[in-house]
Amino acid sequence: GAFEKSPTAYHCPWKGDAQYFDVGTGDDVAKD
């Protein structure tokens, strides 16, 4: 419940495509 998928896109040339998350709950949320 502390992770919500974000639409932010990133591609690392050697790791691949990343999935970003807005992390936290209530007032304590870190965007991406």
PDB file of all heavy atoms in Angstrom:
ATOM      1  N   GLY A   1       0.786  -1.221   0.000  1.00  0.00           N
ATOM      2  CA  GLY A   1       0.000   0.000   0.000  1.00  0.00           C
ATOM      3  C   GLY A   1       0.820   1.274   0.000  1.00  0.00           C
ATOM      4  O   GLY A   1       0.264   2.368  -0.054  1.00  0.00           O
ATOM      5  N   ALA A   2       2.153   1.166   0.069  1.00  0.00           N
ATOM      6  CA  ALA A   2       3.004   2.352   0.129  1.00  0.00           C
ATOM      7  C   ALA A   2       3.610   2.711  -1.223  1.00  0.00           C
ATOM      8  O   ALA A   2       4.392   3.655  -1.319  1.00  0.00           O
ATOM      9  CB  ALA A   2       4.116   2.151   1.158  1.00  0.00           C
ATOM     10  N   PHE A   3       3.254   1.962  -2.287  1.00  0.00           N
ATOM     11  CA  PHE A   3       3.844   2.182  -3.609  1.00  0.00           C
ATOM     12  C   PHE A   3       2.757   2.328  -4.654  1.00  0.00           C
ATOM     13  O   PHE A   3       1.917   1.452  -4.809  1.00  0.00           O
ATOM     14  CB  PHE A   3       4.759   1.005  -3.987  1.00  0.00           C
ATOM     15  CG  PHE A   3       5.965   0.895  -3.104  1.00  0.00           C
ATOM     16  CD1 PHE A   3       5.870   0.309  -1.852  1.00  0.00           C
ATOM     17  CD2 PHE A   3       7.181   1.416  -3.510  1.00  0.00           C
ATOM     18  CE1 PHE A   3       6.975   0.236  -1.012  1.00  0.00           C
ATOM     19  CE2 PHE A   3       8.281   1.348  -2.675  1.00  0.00           C
ATOM     20  CZ  PHE A   3       8.174   0.756  -1.427  1.00  0.00           C
ATOM     21  N   GLU A   4       2.781   3.463  -5.371  1.00  0.00           N
ATOM     22  CA  GLU A   4       1.843   3.694  -6.469  1.00  0.00           C
ATOM     23  C   GLU A   4       2.657   3.960  -7.728  1.00  0.00           C
ATOM     24  O   GLU A   4       3.534   4.834  -7.731  1.00  0.00           O
ATOM     25  CB  GLU A   4       0.940   4.883  -6.158  1.00  0.00           C
ATOM     26  CG  GLU A   4      -0.125   5.092  -7.214  1.00  0.00           C
ATOM     27  CD  GLU A   4      -1.094   6.195  -6.830  1.00  0.00           C
ATOM     28  OE1 GLU A   4      -1.373   6.369  -5.632  1.00  0.00           O
ATOM     29  OE2 GLU A   4      -1.544   6.893  -7.763  1.00  0.00           O
ATOM     30  N   LYS A   5       2.366   3.214  -8.785  1.00  0.00           N
ATOM     31  CA  LYS A   5       3.117   3.391 -10.028  1.00  0.00           C
ATOM     32  C   LYS A   5       2.999   4.828 -10.522  1.00  0.00           C
ATOM     33  O   LYS A   5       1.939   5.436 -10.476  1.00  0.00           O
ATOM     34  CB  LYS A   5       2.610   2.438 -11.112  1.00  0.00           C
ATOM     35  CG  LYS A   5       2.994   1.008 -10.869  1.00  0.00           C
ATOM     36  CD  LYS A   5       2.538   0.112 -12.009  1.00  0.00           C
ATOM     37  CE  LYS A   5       2.954  -1.323 -11.753  1.00  0.00           C
ATOM     38  NZ  LYS A   5       2.509  -2.207 -12.853  1.00  0.00           N
ATOM     39  N   SER A   6       4.120   5.348 -11.006  1.00  0.00           N
ATOM     40  CA  SER A   6       4.198   6.694 -11.559  1.00  0.00           C
ATOM     41  C   SER A   6       4.336   6.584 -13.078  1.00  0.00           C
ATOM     42  O   SER A   6       4.889   5.604 -13.579  1.00  0.00           O
ATOM     43  CB  SER A   6       5.438   7.390 -10.975  1.00  0.00           C
ATOM     44  OG  SER A   6       5.796   8.507 -11.746  1.00  0.00           O
ATOM     45  N   PRO A   7       3.870   7.583 -13.818  1.00  0.00           N
ATOM     46  CA  PRO A   7       4.030   7.553 -15.277  1.00  0.00           C
ATOM     47  C   PRO A   7       5.438   7.946 -15.749  1.00  0.00           C
ATOM     48  O   PRO A   7       5.730   7.875 -16.935  1.00  0.00           O
ATOM     49  CB  PRO A   7       2.997   8.564 -15.771  1.00  0.00           C
ATOM     50  CG  PRO A   7       2.853   9.532 -14.652  1.00  0.00           C
ATOM     51  CD  PRO A   7       3.039   8.713 -13.386  1.00  0.00           C
ATOM     52  N   THR A   8       6.315   8.334 -14.829  1.00  0.00           N
ATOM     53  CA  THR A   8       7.669   8.745 -15.203  1.00  0.00           C
ATOM     54  C   THR A   8       8.395   7.601 -15.902  1.00  0.00           C
ATOM     55  O   THR A   8       8.413   6.484 -15.400  1.00  0.00           O
ATOM     56  CB  THR A   8       8.459   9.201 -13.958  1.00  0.00           C
ATOM     57  OG1 THR A   8       7.764  10.306 -13.375  1.00  0.00           O
ATOM     58  CG2 THR A   8       9.877   9.608 -14.323  1.00  0.00           C
ATOM     59  N   ALA A   9       8.971   7.905 -17.052  1.00  0.00           N
ATOM     60  CA  ALA A   9       9.674   6.886 -17.839  1.00  0.00           C
ATOM     61  C   ALA A   9      11.182   7.120 -17.782  1.00  0.00           C
ATOM     62  O   ALA A   9      11.649   8.256 -17.740  1.00  0.00           O
ATOM     63  CB  ALA A   9       9.203   6.939 -19.286  1.00  0.00           C
ATOM     64  N   TYR A  10      11.923   6.014 -17.761  1.00  0.00           N
ATOM     65  CA  TYR A  10      13.378   6.087 -17.818  1.00  0.00           C
ATOM     66  C   TYR A  10      13.888   4.776 -18.411  1.00  0.00           C
ATOM     67  O   TYR A  10      13.364   3.695 -18.084  1.00  0.00           O
ATOM     68  CB  TYR A  10      13.997   6.295 -16.433  1.00  0.00           C
ATOM     69  CG  TYR A  10      15.503   6.269 -16.456  1.00  0.00           C
ATOM     70  CD1 TYR A  10      16.227   7.341 -16.958  1.00  0.00           C
ATOM     71  CD2 TYR A  10      16.199   5.153 -16.027  1.00  0.00           C
ATOM     72  CE1 TYR A  10      17.618   7.306 -17.011  1.00  0.00           C
ATOM     73  CE2 TYR A  10      17.587   5.105 -16.073  1.00  0.00           C
ATOM     74  CZ  TYR A  10      18.287   6.183 -16.567  1.00  0.00           C
ATOM     75  OH  TYR A  10      19.647   6.146 -16.628  1.00  0.00           O
ATOM     76  N   HIS A  11      14.914   4.874 -19.249  1.00  0.00           N
ATOM     77  CA  HIS A  11      15.545   3.684 -19.816  1.00  0.00           C
ATOM     78  C   HIS A  11      17.037   3.746 -19.542  1.00  0.00           C
ATOM     79  O   HIS A  11      17.704   4.716 -19.895  1.00  0.00           O
ATOM     80  CB  HIS A  11      15.301   3.591 -21.328  1.00  0.00           C
ATOM     81  CG  HIS A  11      15.996   2.417 -21.945  1.00  0.00           C
ATOM     82  ND1 HIS A  11      15.475   1.145 -21.907  1.00  0.00           N
ATOM     83  CD2 HIS A  11      17.192   2.323 -22.576  1.00  0.00           C
ATOM     84  CE1 HIS A  11      16.328   0.318 -22.503  1.00  0.00           C
ATOM     85  NE2 HIS A  11      17.368   1.007 -22.914  1.00  0.00           N
ATOM     86  N   CYS A  12      17.555   2.713 -18.902  1.00  0.00           N
ATOM     87  CA  CYS A  12      18.994   2.583 -18.677  1.00  0.00           C
ATOM     88  C   CYS A  12      19.539   1.690 -19.783  1.00  0.00           C
ATOM     89  O   CYS A  12      18.976   0.624 -20.051  1.00  0.00           O
ATOM     90  CB  CYS A  12      19.252   1.939 -17.315  1.00  0.00           C
ATOM     91  SG  CYS A  12      20.990   1.527 -17.045  1.00  0.00           S
ATOM     92  N   PRO A  13      20.631   2.091 -20.434  1.00  0.00           N
ATOM     93  CA  PRO A  13      21.142   1.299 -21.550  1.00  0.00           C
ATOM     94  C   PRO A  13      21.568  -0.116 -21.176  1.00  0.00           C
ATOM     95  O   PRO A  13      21.542  -1.005 -22.012  1.00  0.00           O
ATOM     96  CB  PRO A  13      22.328   2.102 -22.075  1.00  0.00           C
ATOM     97  CG  PRO A  13      22.456   3.310 -21.249  1.00  0.00           C
ATOM     98  CD  PRO A  13      21.381   3.322 -20.222  1.00  0.00           C
ATOM     99  N   TRP A  14      21.944  -0.344 -19.911  1.00  0.00           N
ATOM    100  CA  TRP A  14      22.376  -1.701 -19.570  1.00  0.00           C
ATOM    101  C   TRP A  14      21.424  -2.445 -18.629  1.00  0.00           C
ATOM    102  O   TRP A  14      21.473  -3.661 -18.529  1.00  0.00           O
ATOM    103  CB  TRP A  14      23.804  -1.720 -19.035  1.00  0.00           C
ATOM    104  CG  TRP A  14      24.030  -1.064 -17.705  1.00  0.00           C
ATOM    105  CD1 TRP A  14      24.279   0.256 -17.464  1.00  0.00           C
ATOM    106  CD2 TRP A  14      24.054  -1.710 -16.431  1.00  0.00           C
ATOM    107  NE1 TRP A  14      24.447   0.472 -16.123  1.00  0.00           N
ATOM    108  CE2 TRP A  14      24.321  -0.716 -15.468  1.00  0.00           C
ATOM    109  CE3 TRP A  14      23.881  -3.021 -16.005  1.00  0.00           C
ATOM    110  CZ2 TRP A  14      24.410  -0.998 -14.109  1.00  0.00           C
ATOM    111  CZ3 TRP A  14      23.982  -3.299 -14.648  1.00  0.00           C
ATOM    112  CH2 TRP A  14      24.242  -2.298 -13.721  1.00  0.00           C
ATOM    113  N   LYS A  15      20.502  -1.707 -17.961  1.00  0.00           N
ATOM    114  CA  LYS A  15      19.530  -2.370 -17.071  1.00  0.00           C
ATOM    115  C   LYS A  15      18.156  -2.509 -17.726  1.00  0.00           C
ATOM    116  O   LYS A  15      17.419  -3.426 -17.401  1.00  0.00           O
ATOM    117  CB  LYS A  15      19.394  -1.610 -15.750  1.00  0.00           C
ATOM    118  CG  LYS A  15      20.642  -1.690 -14.890  1.00  0.00           C
ATOM    119  CD  LYS A  15      20.469  -1.035 -13.533  1.00  0.00           C
ATOM    120  CE  LYS A  15      20.256   0.422 -13.588  1.00  0.00           C
ATOM    121  NZ  LYS A  15      21.306   1.325 -13.238  1.00  0.00           N
ATOM    122  N   GLY A  16      17.781  -1.576 -18.586  1.00  0.00           N
ATOM    123  CA  GLY A  16      16.489  -1.653 -19.265  1.00  0.00           C
ATOM    124  C   GLY A  16      15.537  -0.557 -18.816  1.00  0.00           C
ATOM    125  O   GLY A  16      15.962   0.505 -18.360  1.00  0.00           O
ATOM    126  N   ASP A  17      14.230  -0.831 -18.946  1.00  0.00           N
ATOM    127  CA  ASP A  17      13.203   0.149 -18.620  1.00  0.00           C
ATOM    128  C   ASP A  17      12.872   0.120 -17.128  1.00  0.00           C
ATOM    129  O   ASP A  17      12.599  -0.944 -16.563  1.00  0.00           O
ATOM    130  CB  ASP A  17      11.927  -0.120 -19.417  1.00  0.00           C
ATOM    131  CG  ASP A  17      12.119   0.115 -20.904  1.00  0.00           C
ATOM    132  OD1 ASP A  17      12.885   1.031 -21.266  1.00  0.00           O
ATOM    133  OD2 ASP A  17      11.504  -0.622 -21.702  1.00  0.00           O
ATOM    134  N   ALA A  18      12.871   1.304 -16.518  1.00  0.00           N
ATOM    135  CA  ALA A  18      12.557   1.436 -15.095  1.00  0.00           C
ATOM    136  C   ALA A  18      11.080   1.720 -14.903  1.00  0.00           C
ATOM    137  O   ALA A  18      10.430   2.319 -15.759  1.00  0.00           O
ATOM    138  CB  ALA A  18      13.384   2.558 -14.475  1.00  0.00           C
ATOM    139  N   GLN A  19      10.567   1.307 -13.759  1.00  0.00           N
ATOM    140  CA  GLN A  19       9.230   1.675 -13.294  1.00  0.00           C
ATOM    141  C   GLN A  19       9.424   2.566 -12.078  1.00  0.00           C
ATOM    142  O   GLN A  19      10.048   2.146 -11.097  1.00  0.00           O
ATOM    143  CB  GLN A  19       8.428   0.433 -12.901  1.00  0.00           C
ATOM    144  CG  GLN A  19       7.115   0.731 -12.199  1.00  0.00           C
ATOM    145  CD  GLN A  19       6.128   1.489 -13.090  1.00  0.00           C
ATOM    146  OE1 GLN A  19       5.727   0.983 -14.125  1.00  0.00           O
ATOM    147  NE2 GLN A  19       5.787   2.706 -12.711  1.00  0.00           N
ATOM    148  N   TYR A  20       8.930   3.796 -12.148  1.00  0.00           N
ATOM    149  CA  TYR A  20       9.015   4.696 -11.001  1.00  0.00           C
ATOM    150  C   TYR A  20       7.766   4.566 -10.146  1.00  0.00           C
ATOM    151  O   TYR A  20       6.698   4.193 -10.636  1.00  0.00           O
ATOM    152  CB  TYR A  20       9.189   6.149 -11.459  1.00  0.00           C
ATOM    153  CG  TYR A  20      10.637   6.500 -11.641  1.00  0.00           C
ATOM    154  CD1 TYR A  20      11.303   6.188 -12.818  1.00  0.00           C
ATOM    155  CD2 TYR A  20      11.354   7.121 -10.622  1.00  0.00           C
ATOM    156  CE1 TYR A  20      12.643   6.484 -12.979  1.00  0.00           C
ATOM    157  CE2 TYR A  20      12.700   7.420 -10.779  1.00  0.00           C
ATOM    158  CZ  TYR A  20      13.327   7.101 -11.954  1.00  0.00           C
ATOM    159  OH  TYR A  20      14.659   7.386 -12.104  1.00  0.00           O
ATOM    160  N   PHE A  21       7.914   4.915  -8.849  1.00  0.00           N
ATOM    161  CA  PHE A  21       6.807   4.848  -7.894  1.00  0.00           C
ATOM    162  C   PHE A  21       6.748   6.119  -7.062  1.00  0.00           C
ATOM    163  O   PHE A  21       7.790   6.670  -6.682  1.00  0.00           O
ATOM    164  CB  PHE A  21       7.015   3.684  -6.901  1.00  0.00           C
ATOM    165  CG  PHE A  21       7.023   2.329  -7.534  1.00  0.00           C
ATOM    166  CD1 PHE A  21       8.225   1.724  -7.865  1.00  0.00           C
ATOM    167  CD2 PHE A  21       5.846   1.649  -7.795  1.00  0.00           C
ATOM    168  CE1 PHE A  21       8.255   0.472  -8.448  1.00  0.00           C
ATOM    169  CE2 PHE A  21       5.865   0.396  -8.381  1.00  0.00           C
ATOM    170  CZ  PHE A  21       7.069  -0.199  -8.707  1.00  0.00           C
ATOM    171  N   ASP A  22       5.516   6.558  -6.771  1.00  0.00           N
ATOM    172  CA  ASP A  22       5.301   7.526  -5.711  1.00  0.00           C
ATOM    173  C   ASP A  22       5.236   6.664  -4.450  1.00  0.00           C
ATOM    174  O   ASP A  22       4.504   5.665  -4.408  1.00  0.00           O
ATOM    175  CB  ASP A  22       4.004   8.302  -5.920  1.00  0.00           C
ATOM    176  CG  ASP A  22       4.057   9.177  -7.175  1.00  0.00           C
ATOM    177  OD1 ASP A  22       5.171   9.540  -7.614  1.00  0.00           O
ATOM    178  OD2 ASP A  22       2.989   9.495  -7.713  1.00  0.00           O
ATOM    179  N   VAL A  23       6.029   7.022  -3.445  1.00  0.00           N
ATOM    180  CA  VAL A  23       6.219   6.149  -2.295  1.00  0.00           C
ATOM    181  C   VAL A  23       5.788   6.833  -1.005  1.00  0.00           C
ATOM    182  O   VAL A  23       6.135   7.986  -0.769  1.00  0.00           O
ATOM    183  CB  VAL A  23       7.707   5.741  -2.173  1.00  0.00           C
ATOM    184  CG1 VAL A  23       7.913   4.782  -1.022  1.00  0.00           C
ATOM    185  CG2 VAL A  23       8.219   5.126  -3.469  1.00  0.00           C
ATOM    186  N   GLY A  24       5.046   6.096  -0.175  1.00  0.00           N
ATOM    187  CA  GLY A  24       4.655   6.591   1.136  1.00  0.00           C
ATOM    188  C   GLY A  24       3.164   6.456   1.350  1.00  0.00           C
ATOM    189  O   GLY A  24       2.444   5.866   0.538  1.00  0.00           O
ATOM    190  N   THR A  25       2.705   7.048   2.445  1.00  0.00           N
ATOM    191  CA  THR A  25       1.280   7.029   2.775  1.00  0.00           C
ATOM    192  C   THR A  25       0.890   8.367   3.399  1.00  0.00           C
ATOM    193  O   THR A  25       1.734   9.059   3.967  1.00  0.00           O
ATOM    194  CB  THR A  25       0.940   5.894   3.772  1.00  0.00           C
ATOM    195  OG1 THR A  25       1.697   6.092   4.967  1.00  0.00           O
ATOM    196  CG2 THR A  25       1.216   4.523   3.193  1.00  0.00           C
ATOM    197  N   GLY A  26      -0.375   8.720   3.294  1.00  0.00           N
ATOM    198  CA  GLY A  26      -0.873   9.958   3.903  1.00  0.00           C
ATOM    199  C   GLY A  26      -0.121  11.171   3.411  1.00  0.00           C
ATOM    200  O   GLY A  26       0.047  11.378   2.214  1.00  0.00           O
ATOM    201  N   ASP A  27       0.353  11.965   4.369  1.00  0.00           N
ATOM    202  CA  ASP A  27       1.103  13.190   4.038  1.00  0.00           C
ATOM    203  C   ASP A  27       2.565  12.906   3.712  1.00  0.00           C
ATOM    204  O   ASP A  27       3.279  13.788   3.248  1.00  0.00           O
ATOM    205  CB  ASP A  27       1.036  14.188   5.200  1.00  0.00           C
ATOM    206  CG  ASP A  27      -0.368  14.747   5.400  1.00  0.00           C
ATOM    207  OD1 ASP A  27      -1.139  14.778   4.413  1.00  0.00           O
ATOM    208  OD2 ASP A  27      -0.678  15.149   6.535  1.00  0.00           O
ATOM    209  N   ASP A  28       3.019  11.694   4.001  1.00  0.00           N
ATOM    210  CA  ASP A  28       4.413  11.326   3.766  1.00  0.00           C
ATOM    211  C   ASP A  28       4.547  10.574   2.445  1.00  0.00           C
ATOM    212  O   ASP A  28       4.637   9.349   2.420  1.00  0.00           O
ATOM    213  CB  ASP A  28       4.947  10.450   4.911  1.00  0.00           C
ATOM    214  CG  ASP A  28       5.028  11.171   6.232  1.00  0.00           C
ATOM    215  OD1 ASP A  28       5.208  12.403   6.214  1.00  0.00           O
ATOM    216  OD2 ASP A  28       4.907  10.515   7.275  1.00  0.00           O
ATOM    217  N   VAL A  29       4.526  11.311   1.329  1.00  0.00           N
ATOM    218  CA  VAL A  29       4.652  10.691   0.005  1.00  0.00           C
ATOM    219  C   VAL A  29       5.768  11.373  -0.769  1.00  0.00           C
ATOM    220  O   VAL A  29       5.817  12.596  -0.854  1.00  0.00           O
ATOM    221  CB  VAL A  29       3.332  10.764  -0.794  1.00  0.00           C
ATOM    222  CG1 VAL A  29       3.511  10.220  -2.198  1.00  0.00           C
ATOM    223  CG2 VAL A  29       2.227   9.995  -0.076  1.00  0.00           C
ATOM    224  N   ALA A  30       6.658  10.564  -1.321  1.00  0.00           N
ATOM    225  CA  ALA A  30       7.756  11.062  -2.153  1.00  0.00           C
ATOM    226  C   ALA A  30       7.420  10.773  -3.612  1.00  0.00           C
ATOM    227  O   ALA A  30       7.357   9.616  -4.021  1.00  0.00           O
ATOM    228  CB  ALA A  30       9.061  10.382  -1.758  1.00  0.00           C
ATOM    229  N   LYS A  31       7.182  11.830  -4.393  1.00  0.00           N
ATOM    230  CA  LYS A  31       6.875  11.656  -5.810  1.00  0.00           C
ATOM    231  C   LYS A  31       8.102  11.097  -6.519  1.00  0.00           C
ATOM    232  O   LYS A  31       9.202  11.618  -6.367  1.00  0.00           O
ATOM    233  CB  LYS A  31       6.452  12.978  -6.428  1.00  0.00           C
ATOM    234  CG  LYS A  31       6.130  12.856  -7.901  1.00  0.00           C
ATOM    235  CD  LYS A  31       5.229  13.954  -8.378  1.00  0.00           C
ATOM    236  CE  LYS A  31       4.935  13.859  -9.853  1.00  0.00           C
ATOM    237  NZ  LYS A  31       4.454  12.586 -10.312  1.00  0.00           N
ATOM    238  N   ASP A  32       7.896  10.018  -7.261  1.00  0.00           N
ATOM    239  CA  ASP A  32       9.002   9.330  -7.943  1.00  0.00           C
ATOM    240  C   ASP A  32      10.120   8.985  -6.954  1.00  0.00           C
ATOM    241  O   ASP A  32      11.305   8.991  -7.296  1.00  0.00           O
ATOM    242  CB  ASP A  32       9.562  10.171  -9.102  1.00  0.00           C
ATOM    243  CG  ASP A  32       8.578  10.306 -10.248  1.00  0.00           C
ATOM    244  OD1 ASP A  32       7.680   9.440 -10.385  1.00  0.00           O
ATOM    245  OD2 ASP A  32       8.699  11.269 -11.017  1.00  0.00           O
TER     246      ASP A  32
END
